[in-house]
Protein backbone atom coordinates (compact mmCIF):
# COMPACT_ATOMS: atom_id res chain seq x y z
CA MET A 1 115.82 75.74 139.78
CA PRO A 2 114.59 79.11 141.07
CA LEU A 3 110.91 79.51 141.89
CA LEU A 4 108.81 82.19 140.23
CA THR A 5 105.43 83.53 141.27
CA THR A 6 103.73 86.14 139.11
CA ILE A 7 100.83 88.26 140.37
CA ALA A 8 98.98 90.58 137.99
CA VAL A 9 98.31 93.70 140.05
CA GLY A 10 96.19 96.82 139.60
CA GLY A 11 93.83 97.94 136.89
CA LEU A 12 96.62 97.82 134.30
CA GLN A 13 97.41 94.21 135.25
CA THR A 14 101.11 94.75 135.79
CA ASN A 15 103.02 91.50 136.19
CA CYS A 16 104.69 91.59 139.61
CA HIS A 17 107.25 88.79 139.75
CA ILE A 18 108.44 87.20 142.99
CA LEU A 19 111.73 85.49 142.19
CA THR A 20 113.05 83.04 144.77
CA ALA A 21 116.57 81.64 144.77
CA ASP A 22 117.00 77.88 144.63
CA GLY A 23 117.73 76.47 148.09
CA SER A 24 117.49 79.85 149.77
CA PRO A 25 114.77 81.91 151.46
CA GLU A 26 115.98 85.04 149.64
CA CYS A 27 113.75 86.62 147.05
CA ALA A 28 113.55 89.60 144.75
CA VAL A 29 110.31 91.33 143.83
CA ILE A 30 110.23 92.81 140.34
CA ASP A 31 107.79 95.60 139.47
CA PRO A 32 105.45 95.83 142.50
CA GLY A 33 103.27 98.35 140.71
CA ALA A 34 100.03 98.16 142.71
CA GLU A 35 98.14 96.24 145.40
CA PRO A 36 101.21 95.96 147.62
CA GLN A 37 99.37 94.06 150.33
CA ARG A 38 98.82 91.14 147.95
CA VAL A 39 102.54 91.02 147.30
CA ILE A 40 103.38 91.31 151.00
CA ASP A 41 100.98 88.48 151.81
CA ALA A 42 102.50 86.24 149.13
CA VAL A 43 106.06 86.83 150.30
CA THR A 44 105.11 86.37 153.96
CA ALA A 45 103.04 83.22 153.34
CA ALA A 46 105.98 81.61 151.56
CA GLY A 47 108.34 82.44 154.46
CA LEU A 48 110.67 84.41 152.20
CA LYS A 49 113.19 87.11 153.02
CA LEU A 50 112.94 90.09 150.67
CA ARG A 51 116.40 91.14 149.55
CA TYR A 52 115.71 93.32 146.52
CA ILE A 53 112.89 95.41 145.08
CA LEU A 54 113.69 95.87 141.40
CA CYS A 55 111.78 98.10 139.01
CA THR A 56 112.30 97.70 135.28
CA HIS A 57 111.42 101.37 134.80
CA GLY A 58 109.90 104.30 136.62
CA HIS A 59 106.29 104.39 135.45
CA ALA A 60 103.74 104.45 138.26
CA ASP A 61 102.17 101.11 137.34
CA HIS A 62 105.54 99.48 138.03
CA THR A 63 106.59 101.41 141.15
CA GLY A 64 103.33 102.17 142.97
CA GLY A 65 103.69 99.43 145.58
CA VAL A 66 107.37 99.89 146.39
CA ALA A 67 106.94 102.16 149.41
CA LEU A 68 104.62 99.92 151.42
CA LEU A 69 106.46 96.75 150.40
CA GLN A 70 109.76 98.15 151.62
CA GLU A 71 108.18 99.56 154.77
CA GLU A 72 106.74 96.17 155.70
CA LEU A 73 109.44 93.77 154.49
CA GLY A 74 112.63 95.76 153.97
CA GLY A 75 114.82 95.02 150.96
CA ARG A 76 116.93 97.37 148.87
CA PHE A 77 115.11 99.31 146.16
CA TYR A 78 116.81 99.64 142.77
CA LEU A 79 115.77 101.88 139.87
CA ALA A 80 117.75 103.47 137.06
CA ALA A 81 118.74 107.06 137.81
CA GLU A 82 117.21 108.25 134.54
CA ASP A 83 113.77 107.09 135.67
CA THR A 84 113.58 108.58 139.15
CA GLY A 85 110.75 111.06 139.35
CA TYR A 86 108.58 109.42 136.69
CA SER A 87 106.02 108.43 139.34
CA VAL A 88 105.72 111.85 140.98
CA ASP A 89 102.15 113.17 140.96
CA PRO A 90 100.59 110.72 138.46
CA PRO A 91 97.10 111.57 137.13
CA ASP A 92 94.11 110.77 139.33
CA TRP A 93 92.75 108.16 136.91
CA LEU A 94 96.00 106.21 137.12
CA VAL A 95 96.17 106.37 140.91
CA SER A 96 92.60 105.09 141.05
CA ALA A 97 93.34 102.27 138.63
CA LEU A 98 96.45 101.07 140.42
CA GLY A 99 95.09 100.47 143.91
CA GLY A 100 97.31 101.18 146.90
CA PHE A 101 99.54 103.59 145.00
CA THR A 102 102.12 105.45 147.06
CA GLU A 103 104.80 107.62 145.51
CA PRO A 104 107.97 105.49 145.62
CA PRO A 105 110.90 106.41 147.86
CA GLU A 106 114.29 107.38 146.56
CA PRO A 107 116.16 104.28 145.35
CA ASP A 108 118.71 102.78 147.69
CA ALA A 109 120.95 102.32 144.66
CA GLU A 110 120.94 103.02 140.95
CA LEU A 111 120.99 100.36 138.25
CA ASP A 112 124.15 100.23 136.17
CA ASP A 113 124.64 98.28 132.96
CA ALA A 114 126.02 94.75 133.43
CA GLU A 115 125.93 95.07 137.22
CA THR A 116 124.99 91.88 139.05
CA LEU A 117 123.06 91.40 142.26
CA ALA A 118 123.72 88.22 144.24
CA LEU A 119 120.62 86.15 144.98
CA GLY A 120 121.15 82.76 146.57
CA ARG A 121 123.98 80.91 144.85
CA SER A 122 123.53 82.83 141.59
CA ALA A 123 123.15 86.45 140.55
CA ILE A 124 120.71 88.71 138.75
CA LYS A 125 122.33 90.41 135.75
CA LEU A 126 121.11 93.86 134.80
CA ILE A 127 120.61 94.59 131.10
CA ARG A 128 119.96 98.22 130.21
CA THR A 129 117.40 98.56 127.41
CA PRO A 130 116.51 102.25 127.00
CA GLY A 131 113.66 103.19 124.70
CA HIS A 132 110.36 102.72 126.49
CA THR A 133 111.90 105.03 129.07
CA PRO A 134 115.47 106.34 129.25
CA GLY A 135 116.30 104.04 132.18
CA SER A 136 114.47 100.86 131.17
CA THR A 137 116.30 97.81 132.48
CA CYS A 138 115.76 94.07 132.06
CA PHE A 139 116.81 91.42 134.57
CA LEU A 140 118.39 88.07 133.66
CA TYR A 141 118.44 85.30 136.24
CA GLU A 142 119.14 81.59 135.79
CA GLY A 143 118.25 81.69 132.10
CA MET A 144 115.05 83.75 132.51
CA VAL A 145 114.69 87.36 131.42
CA PHE A 146 112.26 89.88 132.88
CA THR A 147 111.63 92.55 130.28
CA GLY A 148 109.25 95.05 131.87
CA ASP A 149 107.63 97.15 129.15
CA THR A 150 110.49 96.78 126.68
CA LEU A 151 109.42 93.49 125.07
CA PHE A 152 106.01 91.81 125.17
CA ARG A 153 104.68 88.68 123.55
CA GLY A 154 104.01 89.81 120.00
CA SER A 155 104.67 93.47 120.69
CA ILE A 156 106.99 96.05 122.22
CA GLY A 157 106.51 98.81 124.77
CA ARG A 158 104.94 102.08 123.70
CA TYR A 159 107.37 104.91 123.10
CA ASP A 160 105.03 107.87 122.72
CA LEU A 161 105.23 108.84 126.39
CA PRO A 162 107.73 111.43 127.71
CA GLY A 163 111.26 110.09 127.36
CA GLY A 164 110.29 107.35 124.93
CA ASP A 165 112.31 106.65 121.79
CA GLY A 166 111.10 103.97 119.37
CA ARG A 167 114.33 103.71 117.39
CA GLN A 168 116.33 103.31 120.57
CA GLU A 169 113.90 100.72 121.93
CA LEU A 170 114.19 98.51 118.86
CA GLN A 171 117.96 98.87 118.95
CA SER A 172 118.01 97.85 122.61
CA ILE A 173 115.90 94.76 121.91
CA ARG A 174 117.99 93.65 118.94
CA GLU A 175 121.38 94.33 120.53
CA ARG A 176 120.70 93.40 124.16
CA LEU A 177 117.84 90.85 124.20
CA LEU A 178 117.93 89.00 120.88
CA THR A 179 121.52 88.05 121.68
CA LEU A 180 120.10 85.66 124.29
CA ALA A 181 119.40 82.02 123.43
CA ASP A 182 116.14 81.24 121.63
CA ASP A 183 114.91 79.07 124.52
CA THR A 184 115.26 81.92 127.05
CA PRO A 185 111.86 82.45 128.74
CA VAL A 186 110.62 86.04 128.54
CA PHE A 187 108.51 87.38 131.41
CA PRO A 188 107.15 90.81 130.45
CA GLY A 189 105.61 93.58 132.51
CA HIS A 190 102.13 92.91 131.12
CA GLY A 191 100.52 89.95 129.40
CA PRO A 192 101.63 86.36 128.82
CA ALA A 193 105.15 84.95 128.83
CA SER A 194 107.08 84.09 125.68
CA THR A 195 110.58 83.09 124.61
CA ILE A 196 113.33 84.97 122.84
CA GLY A 197 113.03 82.61 119.88
CA GLU A 198 109.29 83.15 119.55
CA GLU A 199 109.75 86.90 119.54
CA ARG A 200 112.69 86.76 117.17
CA HIS A 201 110.64 84.85 114.60
CA THR A 202 107.06 86.06 115.09
CA ASN A 203 107.05 89.51 116.69
CA PRO A 204 105.93 91.87 113.89
CA TYR A 205 107.90 94.80 115.32
CA LEU A 206 111.12 92.80 115.06
CA SER A 207 110.46 91.26 111.65
CA GLY A 208 109.70 94.55 109.93
CA ARG A 209 105.99 93.83 109.44
CA VAL A 210 105.01 96.90 111.50
């Protein structure tokens, strides 16, 4: 089984996930949004080799630690083309809240729908879920899905920011995420974990109660 370490970083408590392949020192870091030194220390202490830096979308609280993380540990940085530039010149209050924010570099590669990235003996599958942002992307690995700000426990990502589209977000969730098995663990960009089944049956945004 793969190993997963989650660190809540910055004033917005973004879940930064360190995903380690079973039987391999390779890892991927998902959404290093702030406090990059904490993430660097965790990867280094575990003796891991950083292969990928993956951002579910381009908001500053999910990309703010990419630059220092890549500078210190390497790894290829992936972000959807539609979301590049979202972290340019964020407001001062957000920079202050994040801690260690640096404008992210240009991605080494863009995220394409259904593309896979090899990690250990398995692969990370990319699932495009536009709505929270135009380029929002979820990552599926060994039966776990990392949903960024698309799907939370009991809620969904806000869509009132530039580029957001609530109708599209709900469509993405229903057509791309709820097709997964009910026992699929869901690891969101903020807040506690859930499962696809729990969200299918209890999330008010998906049951029509909101």
